[in-house]
Amino acid sequence: MIMMPKRVITMDRNRRSRCSETGDHDGPKRAAYTLDVRRDGPALARERRVDGVFPLVTNLATTPKREVLSIYKFQPYVERRFALVKTDLEIAPVYLKKPRRAVGLLHAYFIALAVASLIEREVRNGMRRRHIEALDLLPEHRGTSTPTWPRILEAFRDVRWYEVDVRGEVIAFPIELTPLQRTLLELLNVPLGLYQ
């Protein structure tokens, strides 16, 4: 598309204007633009050459192209995992003045992220081993085939341990686990005896 300038003479209807010897009016002149639409053949030919090509820039010079593409396609999973740091683990804001402390805190969050990933992985692998299609971890007891770390921990939010000291004797009240909590502990290979 090309913009073509064109000179337009505006006439003041309240006064008369004269034509000069060249045929131009002596009224005020302004520039107006019109569009001249044409196809740019060479540009279209260049675009046709790369149409459907997915450019991917990498520094992995010796890695095969298919592997580079598979690494790129795995990126959303990594980003979703690090989204846990900002949402459920609530890493920000950090009010530490010394860089060493900030690095230490970030290291602790990284360990928490690794533990969260391992919990999810262990539960999902256990579901496959035991042929469990879904666990009722979502709100309104809806099932999910891909339980996430926050939902797994949320299933244990009501677990409490009570001990009463009566004249030197400690009395412990047993924890009553729901069937879902028992299933999750079995999938995680956590002995139920730890909750007795």
N, C-alpha and C. Protein backbone atom coordinates (compact mmCIF):
# COMPACT_ATOMS: atom_id res chain seq x y z
N MET A 1 0.84 -1.16 0.00
CA MET A 1 0.00 0.00 0.00
C MET A 1 0.90 1.23 0.00
N ILE A 2 0.60 2.18 -0.84
CA ILE A 2 1.44 3.37 -0.98
C ILE A 2 0.55 4.60 -0.83
N MET A 3 0.99 5.54 -0.01
CA MET A 3 0.28 6.81 0.14
C MET A 3 0.78 7.78 -0.92
N MET A 4 -0.13 8.30 -1.73
CA MET A 4 0.24 9.23 -2.80
C MET A 4 -0.26 10.62 -2.43
N PRO A 5 0.64 11.61 -2.30
CA PRO A 5 0.17 12.97 -2.00
C PRO A 5 -0.48 13.59 -3.23
N LYS A 6 -1.48 14.40 -2.98
CA LYS A 6 -2.18 15.07 -4.07
C LYS A 6 -2.56 16.45 -3.58
N ARG A 7 -2.27 17.47 -4.37
CA ARG A 7 -2.57 18.84 -3.95
C ARG A 7 -4.03 19.15 -4.25
N VAL A 8 -4.70 19.67 -3.25
CA VAL A 8 -6.12 20.00 -3.40
C VAL A 8 -6.28 21.48 -3.10
N ILE A 9 -7.07 22.18 -3.93
CA ILE A 9 -7.33 23.61 -3.72
C ILE A 9 -8.67 23.73 -3.02
N THR A 10 -8.65 24.44 -1.92
CA THR A 10 -9.92 24.69 -1.24
C THR A 10 -10.42 26.06 -1.64
N MET A 11 -11.66 26.13 -1.91
CA MET A 11 -12.27 27.39 -2.36
C MET A 11 -13.04 28.00 -1.21
N ASP A 12 -12.88 29.27 -1.00
CA ASP A 12 -13.67 29.99 -0.02
C ASP A 12 -14.94 30.44 -0.75
N ARG A 13 -16.07 29.92 -0.35
CA ARG A 13 -17.30 30.19 -1.07
C ARG A 13 -17.77 31.62 -0.89
N ASN A 14 -17.24 32.32 0.11
CA ASN A 14 -17.69 33.70 0.36
C ASN A 14 -16.94 34.72 -0.48
N ARG A 15 -15.86 34.35 -1.09
CA ARG A 15 -15.13 35.32 -1.92
C ARG A 15 -14.76 34.70 -3.26
N ARG A 16 -14.59 35.53 -4.19
CA ARG A 16 -14.25 35.06 -5.53
C ARG A 16 -12.75 34.87 -5.62
N SER A 17 -12.34 33.92 -6.43
CA SER A 17 -10.91 33.75 -6.66
C SER A 17 -10.65 33.78 -8.15
N ARG A 18 -9.44 34.12 -8.49
CA ARG A 18 -9.08 34.23 -9.91
C ARG A 18 -8.16 33.09 -10.29
N CYS A 19 -8.20 32.79 -11.55
CA CYS A 19 -7.26 31.82 -12.11
C CYS A 19 -6.03 32.59 -12.58
N SER A 20 -4.89 32.00 -12.35
CA SER A 20 -3.66 32.61 -12.87
C SER A 20 -3.49 32.19 -14.33
N GLU A 21 -2.44 32.66 -14.92
CA GLU A 21 -2.20 32.33 -16.33
C GLU A 21 -1.97 30.83 -16.51
N THR A 22 -1.43 30.15 -15.48
CA THR A 22 -1.17 28.71 -15.61
C THR A 22 -2.43 27.89 -15.33
N GLY A 23 -3.50 28.52 -14.94
CA GLY A 23 -4.73 27.79 -14.66
C GLY A 23 -4.90 27.43 -13.20
N ASP A 24 -3.93 27.83 -12.35
CA ASP A 24 -4.04 27.55 -10.92
C ASP A 24 -4.92 28.60 -10.26
N HIS A 25 -5.69 28.17 -9.33
CA HIS A 25 -6.47 29.12 -8.54
C HIS A 25 -5.58 29.74 -7.49
N ASP A 26 -5.92 30.93 -7.09
CA ASP A 26 -5.10 31.60 -6.08
C ASP A 26 -5.65 31.39 -4.68
N GLY A 27 -6.58 30.45 -4.52
CA GLY A 27 -7.14 30.17 -3.19
C GLY A 27 -6.15 29.37 -2.35
N PRO A 28 -6.46 29.15 -1.05
CA PRO A 28 -5.55 28.39 -0.17
C PRO A 28 -5.42 26.94 -0.66
N LYS A 29 -4.21 26.42 -0.51
CA LYS A 29 -3.94 25.05 -0.96
C LYS A 29 -3.56 24.20 0.26
N ARG A 30 -3.95 22.94 0.20
CA ARG A 30 -3.58 21.99 1.26
C ARG A 30 -3.29 20.65 0.59
N ALA A 31 -2.55 19.81 1.30
CA ALA A 31 -2.22 18.49 0.76
C ALA A 31 -3.22 17.47 1.26
N ALA A 32 -3.74 16.65 0.39
CA ALA A 32 -4.62 15.54 0.75
C ALA A 32 -3.94 14.27 0.24
N TYR A 33 -4.26 13.14 0.83
CA TYR A 33 -3.61 11.89 0.47
C TYR A 33 -4.64 10.88 -0.01
N THR A 34 -4.25 10.13 -0.98
CA THR A 34 -5.09 9.04 -1.47
C THR A 34 -4.27 7.76 -1.37
N LEU A 35 -4.97 6.64 -1.33
CA LEU A 35 -4.30 5.36 -1.24
C LEU A 35 -4.24 4.71 -2.62
N ASP A 36 -3.07 4.27 -2.96
CA ASP A 36 -2.89 3.52 -4.19
C ASP A 36 -2.45 2.12 -3.77
N VAL A 37 -3.37 1.15 -3.85
CA VAL A 37 -3.11 -0.19 -3.34
C VAL A 37 -2.63 -1.07 -4.49
N ARG A 38 -1.44 -1.64 -4.30
CA ARG A 38 -0.86 -2.57 -5.26
C ARG A 38 -0.19 -3.71 -4.51
N ARG A 39 -0.12 -4.87 -5.11
CA ARG A 39 0.60 -6.00 -4.51
C ARG A 39 2.08 -5.85 -4.80
N ASP A 40 2.87 -6.09 -3.74
CA ASP A 40 4.32 -6.04 -3.88
C ASP A 40 4.79 -7.45 -4.20
N GLY A 41 4.96 -7.76 -5.46
CA GLY A 41 5.31 -9.11 -5.92
C GLY A 41 6.57 -9.66 -5.30
N PRO A 42 7.70 -8.93 -5.32
CA PRO A 42 8.93 -9.47 -4.71
C PRO A 42 8.78 -9.74 -3.21
N ALA A 43 8.08 -8.87 -2.49
CA ALA A 43 7.89 -9.09 -1.04
C ALA A 43 7.03 -10.33 -0.80
N LEU A 44 5.99 -10.54 -1.60
CA LEU A 44 5.16 -11.73 -1.46
C LEU A 44 5.96 -12.99 -1.76
N ALA A 45 6.84 -12.93 -2.75
CA ALA A 45 7.68 -14.09 -3.09
C ALA A 45 8.62 -14.43 -1.93
N ARG A 46 9.18 -13.40 -1.27
CA ARG A 46 10.05 -13.64 -0.11
C ARG A 46 9.26 -14.26 1.04
N GLU A 47 8.05 -13.79 1.27
CA GLU A 47 7.22 -14.32 2.36
C GLU A 47 6.79 -15.76 2.07
N ARG A 48 6.49 -16.09 0.79
CA ARG A 48 6.10 -17.44 0.42
C ARG A 48 7.21 -18.44 0.72
N ARG A 49 8.45 -17.99 0.58
CA ARG A 49 9.59 -18.86 0.83
C ARG A 49 9.68 -19.32 2.28
N VAL A 50 9.29 -18.45 3.22
CA VAL A 50 9.41 -18.77 4.64
C VAL A 50 8.05 -19.04 5.29
N ASP A 51 6.99 -19.10 4.50
CA ASP A 51 5.66 -19.35 5.05
C ASP A 51 5.61 -20.76 5.64
N GLY A 52 5.17 -20.87 6.89
CA GLY A 52 5.11 -22.17 7.55
C GLY A 52 6.40 -22.56 8.25
N VAL A 53 7.43 -21.74 8.19
CA VAL A 53 8.69 -22.03 8.86
C VAL A 53 8.62 -21.50 10.28
N PHE A 54 9.05 -22.29 11.26
CA PHE A 54 9.04 -21.88 12.66
C PHE A 54 10.47 -21.57 13.07
N PRO A 55 10.82 -20.27 13.15
CA PRO A 55 12.21 -19.94 13.51
C PRO A 55 12.43 -20.15 15.01
N LEU A 56 13.51 -20.82 15.33
CA LEU A 56 13.84 -21.10 16.72
C LEU A 56 15.34 -20.84 16.89
N VAL A 57 15.67 -19.83 17.68
CA VAL A 57 17.06 -19.44 17.89
C VAL A 57 17.56 -20.15 19.15
N THR A 58 18.74 -20.77 19.06
CA THR A 58 19.28 -21.50 20.19
C THR A 58 20.80 -21.38 20.22
N ASN A 59 21.38 -21.67 21.37
CA ASN A 59 22.83 -21.73 21.48
C ASN A 59 23.31 -23.18 21.54
N LEU A 60 22.42 -24.13 21.30
CA LEU A 60 22.77 -25.55 21.29
C LEU A 60 23.20 -25.94 19.88
N ALA A 61 24.42 -25.66 19.55
CA ALA A 61 24.90 -25.83 18.17
C ALA A 61 24.98 -27.29 17.75
N THR A 62 25.33 -28.20 18.66
CA THR A 62 25.52 -29.60 18.27
C THR A 62 24.30 -30.46 18.52
N THR A 63 23.25 -29.90 19.11
CA THR A 63 22.03 -30.67 19.41
C THR A 63 21.19 -30.83 18.16
N PRO A 64 20.64 -32.02 17.92
CA PRO A 64 19.78 -32.21 16.74
C PRO A 64 18.54 -31.31 16.79
N LYS A 65 18.05 -30.96 15.60
CA LYS A 65 16.94 -30.00 15.51
C LYS A 65 15.68 -30.51 16.19
N ARG A 66 15.39 -31.79 16.05
CA ARG A 66 14.18 -32.35 16.70
C ARG A 66 14.27 -32.24 18.22
N GLU A 67 15.46 -32.46 18.76
CA GLU A 67 15.64 -32.37 20.21
C GLU A 67 15.49 -30.93 20.69
N VAL A 68 16.01 -29.97 19.91
CA VAL A 68 15.84 -28.56 20.25
C VAL A 68 14.36 -28.20 20.28
N LEU A 69 13.61 -28.69 19.30
CA LEU A 69 12.17 -28.43 19.25
C LEU A 69 11.46 -29.07 20.44
N SER A 70 11.84 -30.28 20.82
CA SER A 70 11.20 -30.92 21.97
C SER A 70 11.54 -30.20 23.27
N ILE A 71 12.75 -29.68 23.37
CA ILE A 71 13.13 -28.88 24.55
C ILE A 71 12.26 -27.62 24.61
N TYR A 72 12.07 -26.99 23.46
CA TYR A 72 11.25 -25.78 23.40
C TYR A 72 9.80 -26.09 23.79
N LYS A 73 9.28 -27.22 23.34
CA LYS A 73 7.89 -27.57 23.63
C LYS A 73 7.70 -27.93 25.10
N PHE A 74 8.77 -28.31 25.80
CA PHE A 74 8.68 -28.65 27.22
C PHE A 74 8.70 -27.40 28.10
N GLN A 75 9.04 -26.25 27.54
CA GLN A 75 9.19 -25.01 28.30
C GLN A 75 7.95 -24.62 29.11
N PRO A 76 6.72 -24.74 28.57
CA PRO A 76 5.56 -24.35 29.39
C PRO A 76 5.44 -25.12 30.69
N TYR A 77 5.87 -26.39 30.70
CA TYR A 77 5.80 -27.17 31.94
C TYR A 77 6.76 -26.62 32.99
N VAL A 78 7.94 -26.21 32.55
CA VAL A 78 8.92 -25.62 33.47
C VAL A 78 8.38 -24.30 34.01
N GLU A 79 7.80 -23.49 33.13
CA GLU A 79 7.27 -22.20 33.57
C GLU A 79 6.10 -22.38 34.53
N ARG A 80 5.27 -23.38 34.28
CA ARG A 80 4.15 -23.64 35.18
C ARG A 80 4.66 -24.06 36.55
N ARG A 81 5.76 -24.82 36.57
CA ARG A 81 6.34 -25.25 37.85
C ARG A 81 6.85 -24.05 38.62
N PHE A 82 7.52 -23.12 37.93
CA PHE A 82 8.04 -21.95 38.63
C PHE A 82 6.92 -20.96 38.99
N ALA A 83 5.75 -21.10 38.38
CA ALA A 83 4.61 -20.28 38.79
C ALA A 83 4.20 -20.62 40.22
N LEU A 84 4.47 -21.85 40.66
CA LEU A 84 4.20 -22.24 42.05
C LEU A 84 4.96 -21.37 43.03
N VAL A 85 6.18 -20.98 42.65
CA VAL A 85 7.01 -20.16 43.54
C VAL A 85 6.32 -18.84 43.81
N LYS A 86 5.68 -18.27 42.79
CA LYS A 86 5.05 -16.96 42.95
C LYS A 86 3.67 -17.06 43.58
N THR A 87 2.94 -18.16 43.33
CA THR A 87 1.57 -18.25 43.82
C THR A 87 1.49 -18.98 45.14
N ASP A 88 1.63 -20.30 45.12
CA ASP A 88 1.42 -21.09 46.33
C ASP A 88 2.53 -20.94 47.36
N LEU A 89 3.77 -20.82 46.91
CA LEU A 89 4.87 -20.64 47.85
C LEU A 89 5.07 -19.18 48.26
N GLU A 90 4.48 -18.26 47.52
CA GLU A 90 4.48 -16.81 47.83
C GLU A 90 5.89 -16.29 48.13
N ILE A 91 6.76 -16.36 47.15
CA ILE A 91 8.15 -15.94 47.35
C ILE A 91 8.30 -14.43 47.52
N ALA A 92 7.42 -13.65 46.91
CA ALA A 92 7.55 -12.18 46.96
C ALA A 92 6.55 -11.61 47.95
N PRO A 93 6.83 -10.53 48.59
CA PRO A 93 8.05 -9.75 48.59
C PRO A 93 9.08 -10.31 49.57
N VAL A 94 10.33 -9.99 49.34
CA VAL A 94 11.43 -10.43 50.19
C VAL A 94 12.02 -9.19 50.85
N TYR A 95 11.99 -9.15 52.17
CA TYR A 95 12.49 -7.99 52.91
C TYR A 95 13.82 -8.33 53.58
N LEU A 96 14.79 -8.72 52.80
CA LEU A 96 16.12 -9.04 53.32
C LEU A 96 17.12 -8.05 52.73
N LYS A 97 18.02 -7.58 53.56
CA LYS A 97 18.98 -6.58 53.09
C LYS A 97 20.26 -7.22 52.58
N LYS A 98 20.68 -8.31 53.17
CA LYS A 98 21.95 -8.92 52.78
C LYS A 98 21.72 -9.93 51.66
N PRO A 99 22.54 -9.84 50.62
CA PRO A 99 22.38 -10.77 49.49
C PRO A 99 22.52 -12.24 49.88
N ARG A 100 23.38 -12.53 50.85
CA ARG A 100 23.56 -13.94 51.28
C ARG A 100 22.27 -14.50 51.84
N ARG A 101 21.54 -13.68 52.58
CA ARG A 101 20.27 -14.15 53.15
C ARG A 101 19.23 -14.35 52.06
N ALA A 102 19.21 -13.45 51.08
CA ALA A 102 18.27 -13.60 49.97
C ALA A 102 18.57 -14.87 49.18
N VAL A 103 19.85 -15.17 48.97
CA VAL A 103 20.24 -16.39 48.26
C VAL A 103 19.84 -17.62 49.08
N GLY A 104 20.04 -17.55 50.40
CA GLY A 104 19.64 -18.66 51.27
C GLY A 104 18.13 -18.90 51.22
N LEU A 105 17.37 -17.82 51.24
CA LEU A 105 15.91 -17.95 51.17
C LEU A 105 15.48 -18.53 49.82
N LEU A 106 16.12 -18.07 48.76
CA LEU A 106 15.81 -18.58 47.43
C LEU A 106 16.15 -20.06 47.33
N HIS A 107 17.25 -20.46 47.96
CA HIS A 107 17.63 -21.88 47.98
C HIS A 107 16.57 -22.70 48.72
N ALA A 108 16.07 -22.19 49.83
CA ALA A 108 15.02 -22.89 50.58
C ALA A 108 13.75 -23.04 49.72
N TYR A 109 13.41 -21.98 48.98
CA TYR A 109 12.24 -22.06 48.09
C TYR A 109 12.47 -23.07 46.97
N PHE A 110 13.69 -23.15 46.46
CA PHE A 110 13.99 -24.12 45.41
C PHE A 110 13.84 -25.55 45.93
N ILE A 111 14.28 -25.78 47.16
CA ILE A 111 14.12 -27.11 47.76
C ILE A 111 12.63 -27.42 47.94
N ALA A 112 11.86 -26.42 48.39
CA ALA A 112 10.41 -26.62 48.53
C ALA A 112 9.77 -26.95 47.19
N LEU A 113 10.23 -26.29 46.14
CA LEU A 113 9.71 -26.55 44.79
C LEU A 113 10.05 -27.97 44.35
N ALA A 114 11.25 -28.42 44.65
CA ALA A 114 11.65 -29.79 44.30
C ALA A 114 10.82 -30.80 45.07
N VAL A 115 10.58 -30.55 46.36
CA VAL A 115 9.76 -31.45 47.17
C VAL A 115 8.33 -31.49 46.62
N ALA A 116 7.79 -30.33 46.25
CA ALA A 116 6.44 -30.27 45.69
C ALA A 116 6.36 -31.09 44.40
N SER A 117 7.38 -30.98 43.56
CA SER A 117 7.40 -31.74 42.31
C SER A 117 7.47 -33.24 42.59
N LEU A 118 8.26 -33.62 43.57
CA LEU A 118 8.38 -35.05 43.90
C LEU A 118 7.09 -35.60 44.49
N ILE A 119 6.38 -34.81 45.30
CA ILE A 119 5.09 -35.25 45.85
C ILE A 119 4.10 -35.51 44.71
N GLU A 120 4.00 -34.56 43.79
CA GLU A 120 3.10 -34.73 42.64
C GLU A 120 3.48 -35.97 41.84
N ARG A 121 4.75 -36.11 41.56
CA ARG A 121 5.21 -37.24 40.74
C ARG A 121 4.92 -38.56 41.42
N GLU A 122 5.18 -38.65 42.72
CA GLU A 122 4.96 -39.90 43.44
C GLU A 122 3.48 -40.27 43.48
N VAL A 123 2.61 -39.29 43.69
CA VAL A 123 1.17 -39.56 43.71
C VAL A 123 0.69 -40.01 42.33
N ARG A 124 1.12 -39.33 41.28
CA ARG A 124 0.68 -39.68 39.92
C ARG A 124 1.21 -41.05 39.50
N ASN A 125 2.46 -41.37 39.85
CA ASN A 125 3.00 -42.70 39.54
C ASN A 125 2.25 -43.78 40.33
N GLY A 126 1.93 -43.49 41.60
CA GLY A 126 1.15 -44.43 42.41
C GLY A 126 -0.24 -44.66 41.84
N MET A 127 -0.85 -43.59 41.31
CA MET A 127 -2.17 -43.74 40.68
C MET A 127 -2.08 -44.66 39.47
N ARG A 128 -1.02 -44.53 38.68
CA ARG A 128 -0.85 -45.41 37.51
C ARG A 128 -0.63 -46.86 37.95
N ARG A 129 0.20 -47.05 39.00
CA ARG A 129 0.47 -48.41 39.48
C ARG A 129 -0.79 -49.10 39.98
N ARG A 130 -1.64 -48.34 40.67
CA ARG A 130 -2.84 -48.92 41.28
C ARG A 130 -4.07 -48.77 40.39
N HIS A 131 -3.87 -48.25 39.18
CA HIS A 131 -4.96 -48.08 38.20
C HIS A 131 -6.09 -47.21 38.76
N ILE A 132 -5.72 -46.12 39.42
CA ILE A 132 -6.69 -45.14 39.92
C ILE A 132 -6.80 -44.05 38.86
N GLU A 133 -8.00 -43.84 38.36
CA GLU A 133 -8.17 -42.85 37.29
C GLU A 133 -8.25 -41.42 37.81
N ALA A 134 -8.87 -41.21 38.98
CA ALA A 134 -9.03 -39.85 39.50
C ALA A 134 -9.13 -39.88 41.02
N LEU A 135 -8.69 -38.78 41.63
CA LEU A 135 -8.82 -38.58 43.08
C LEU A 135 -9.70 -37.35 43.31
N ASP A 136 -10.57 -37.41 44.30
CA ASP A 136 -11.50 -36.31 44.57
C ASP A 136 -10.82 -35.19 45.35
N LEU A 137 -9.94 -34.47 44.68
CA LEU A 137 -9.17 -33.41 45.34
C LEU A 137 -9.67 -32.01 44.98
N LEU A 138 -10.45 -31.88 43.95
CA LEU A 138 -10.92 -30.56 43.51
C LEU A 138 -12.12 -30.12 44.35
N PRO A 139 -12.45 -28.83 44.33
CA PRO A 139 -13.62 -28.38 45.09
C PRO A 139 -14.87 -29.17 44.71
N GLU A 140 -15.78 -29.28 45.65
CA GLU A 140 -17.03 -30.04 45.50
C GLU A 140 -16.76 -31.52 45.26
N HIS A 141 -15.61 -31.98 45.73
CA HIS A 141 -15.20 -33.39 45.64
C HIS A 141 -15.20 -33.91 44.21
N ARG A 142 -14.79 -33.04 43.27
CA ARG A 142 -14.65 -33.48 41.88
C ARG A 142 -13.31 -34.19 41.72
N GLY A 143 -13.30 -35.14 40.82
CA GLY A 143 -12.10 -35.93 40.60
C GLY A 143 -11.10 -35.25 39.67
N THR A 144 -9.83 -35.57 39.85
CA THR A 144 -8.78 -35.09 38.96
C THR A 144 -7.80 -36.22 38.69
N SER A 145 -7.39 -36.34 37.43
CA SER A 145 -6.40 -37.36 37.09
C SER A 145 -4.98 -36.85 37.23
N THR A 146 -4.83 -35.54 37.43
CA THR A 146 -3.50 -34.93 37.60
C THR A 146 -3.49 -34.09 38.88
N PRO A 147 -3.40 -34.75 40.03
CA PRO A 147 -3.41 -34.00 41.29
C PRO A 147 -2.18 -33.10 41.42
N THR A 148 -2.40 -31.91 41.89
CA THR A 148 -1.30 -30.96 42.07
C THR A 148 -0.91 -30.88 43.54
N TRP A 149 0.27 -30.39 43.77
CA TRP A 149 0.81 -30.31 45.12
C TRP A 149 -0.09 -29.50 46.07
N PRO A 150 -0.60 -28.32 45.68
CA PRO A 150 -1.45 -27.59 46.63
C PRO A 150 -2.72 -28.36 46.99
N ARG A 151 -3.32 -29.07 46.02
CA ARG A 151 -4.54 -29.83 46.31
C ARG A 151 -4.24 -31.02 47.21
N ILE A 152 -3.06 -31.64 47.03
CA ILE A 152 -2.69 -32.79 47.86
C ILE A 152 -2.51 -32.34 49.31
N LEU A 153 -1.80 -31.22 49.51
CA LEU A 153 -1.60 -30.73 50.88
C LEU A 153 -2.91 -30.25 51.49
N GLU A 154 -3.78 -29.68 50.66
CA GLU A 154 -5.07 -29.19 51.15
C GLU A 154 -5.91 -30.33 51.70
N ALA A 155 -5.72 -31.54 51.19
CA ALA A 155 -6.48 -32.70 51.68
C ALA A 155 -6.14 -33.00 53.14
N PHE A 156 -4.97 -32.53 53.60
CA PHE A 156 -4.55 -32.81 54.98
C PHE A 156 -4.70 -31.59 55.91
N ARG A 157 -5.43 -30.58 55.47
CA ARG A 157 -5.50 -29.35 56.28
C ARG A 157 -6.24 -29.54 57.60
N ASP A 158 -7.11 -30.54 57.70
CA ASP A 158 -7.86 -30.75 58.94
C ASP A 158 -7.22 -31.76 59.88
N VAL A 159 -6.06 -32.28 59.54
CA VAL A 159 -5.39 -33.26 60.39
C VAL A 159 -4.78 -32.54 61.60
N ARG A 160 -5.17 -32.97 62.78
CA ARG A 160 -4.67 -32.35 64.02
C ARG A 160 -4.17 -33.44 64.97
N TRP A 161 -3.18 -33.08 65.77
CA TRP A 161 -2.63 -33.97 66.79
C TRP A 161 -2.84 -33.31 68.14
N TYR A 162 -3.54 -34.03 69.04
CA TYR A 162 -3.82 -33.46 70.36
C TYR A 162 -3.17 -34.33 71.43
N GLU A 163 -2.49 -33.65 72.35
CA GLU A 163 -1.90 -34.32 73.51
C GLU A 163 -2.31 -33.54 74.75
N VAL A 164 -2.65 -34.27 75.79
CA VAL A 164 -3.04 -33.64 77.06
C VAL A 164 -2.12 -34.21 78.14
N ASP A 165 -1.56 -33.33 78.96
CA ASP A 165 -0.70 -33.73 80.06
C ASP A 165 -1.54 -33.71 81.33
N VAL A 166 -1.83 -34.90 81.87
CA VAL A 166 -2.62 -35.02 83.09
C VAL A 166 -1.70 -35.56 84.18
N ARG A 167 -1.27 -34.67 85.10
CA ARG A 167 -0.41 -35.01 86.22
C ARG A 167 0.79 -35.84 85.80
N GLY A 168 1.47 -35.38 84.74
CA GLY A 168 2.68 -36.05 84.29
C GLY A 168 2.44 -37.16 83.28
N GLU A 169 1.19 -37.54 83.09
CA GLU A 169 0.89 -38.58 82.10
C GLU A 169 0.38 -37.92 80.82
N VAL A 170 1.01 -38.23 79.69
CA VAL A 170 0.62 -37.64 78.40
C VAL A 170 -0.39 -38.55 77.73
N ILE A 171 -1.55 -37.97 77.46
CA ILE A 171 -2.61 -38.70 76.77
C ILE A 171 -2.72 -38.13 75.36
N ALA A 172 -2.59 -39.00 74.35
CA ALA A 172 -2.67 -38.56 72.96
C ALA A 172 -3.97 -39.07 72.35
N PHE A 173 -4.62 -38.19 71.60
CA PHE A 173 -5.85 -38.57 70.91
C PHE A 173 -5.47 -39.04 69.50
N PRO A 174 -5.98 -40.18 69.07
CA PRO A 174 -5.59 -40.69 67.75
C PRO A 174 -6.14 -39.82 66.62
N ILE A 175 -5.38 -39.78 65.55
CA ILE A 175 -5.80 -39.02 64.37
C ILE A 175 -6.72 -39.91 63.54
N GLU A 176 -7.84 -39.37 63.15
CA GLU A 176 -8.76 -40.12 62.30
C GLU A 176 -8.60 -39.61 60.87
N LEU A 177 -8.08 -40.46 60.01
CA LEU A 177 -7.85 -40.10 58.62
C LEU A 177 -9.04 -40.49 57.76
N THR A 178 -9.34 -39.66 56.78
CA THR A 178 -10.41 -39.96 55.83
C THR A 178 -9.90 -40.99 54.82
N PRO A 179 -10.79 -41.65 54.10
CA PRO A 179 -10.32 -42.59 53.07
C PRO A 179 -9.42 -41.94 52.02
N LEU A 180 -9.72 -40.69 51.64
CA LEU A 180 -8.87 -39.98 50.67
C LEU A 180 -7.48 -39.75 51.23
N GLN A 181 -7.39 -39.36 52.50
CA GLN A 181 -6.08 -39.14 53.13
C GLN A 181 -5.29 -40.44 53.21
N ARG A 182 -5.97 -41.53 53.53
CA ARG A 182 -5.30 -42.83 53.59
C ARG A 182 -4.77 -43.23 52.21
N THR A 183 -5.58 -43.00 51.19
CA THR A 183 -5.16 -43.33 49.82
C THR A 183 -3.93 -42.51 49.44
N LEU A 184 -3.96 -41.21 49.75
CA LEU A 184 -2.82 -40.35 49.40
C LEU A 184 -1.56 -40.80 50.12
N LEU A 185 -1.66 -41.16 51.40
CA LEU A 185 -0.49 -41.63 52.14
C LEU A 185 0.05 -42.93 51.56
N GLU A 186 -0.85 -43.82 51.14
CA GLU A 186 -0.41 -45.07 50.52
C GLU A 186 0.28 -44.80 49.18
N LEU A 187 -0.27 -43.85 48.39
CA LEU A 187 0.35 -43.51 47.11
C LEU A 187 1.73 -42.88 47.31
N LEU A 188 1.90 -42.16 48.41
CA LEU A 188 3.19 -41.51 48.72
C LEU A 188 4.14 -42.45 49.46
N ASN A 189 3.70 -43.69 49.72
CA ASN A 189 4.51 -44.68 50.47
C ASN A 189 4.87 -44.18 51.86
N VAL A 190 3.92 -43.47 52.49
CA VAL A 190 4.11 -43.00 53.87
C VAL A 190 3.38 -43.99 54.77
N PRO A 191 4.07 -44.60 55.75
CA PRO A 191 3.40 -45.56 56.63
C PRO A 191 2.28 -44.89 57.44
N LEU A 192 1.12 -45.55 57.48
CA LEU A 192 -0.01 -45.01 58.24
C LEU A 192 0.30 -44.96 59.73
N GLY A 193 1.25 -45.76 60.18
CA GLY A 193 1.60 -45.78 61.61
C GLY A 193 2.15 -44.45 62.10
N LEU A 194 2.65 -43.61 61.20
CA LEU A 194 3.15 -42.30 61.60
C LEU A 194 2.02 -41.39 62.09
N TYR A 195 0.80 -41.71 61.71
CA TYR A 195 -0.34 -40.88 62.10
C TYR A 195 -1.13 -41.52 63.25
N GLN A 196 -0.58 -42.51 63.95
CA GLN A 196 -1.28 -43.16 65.07
C GLN A 196 -0.72 -42.66 66.38
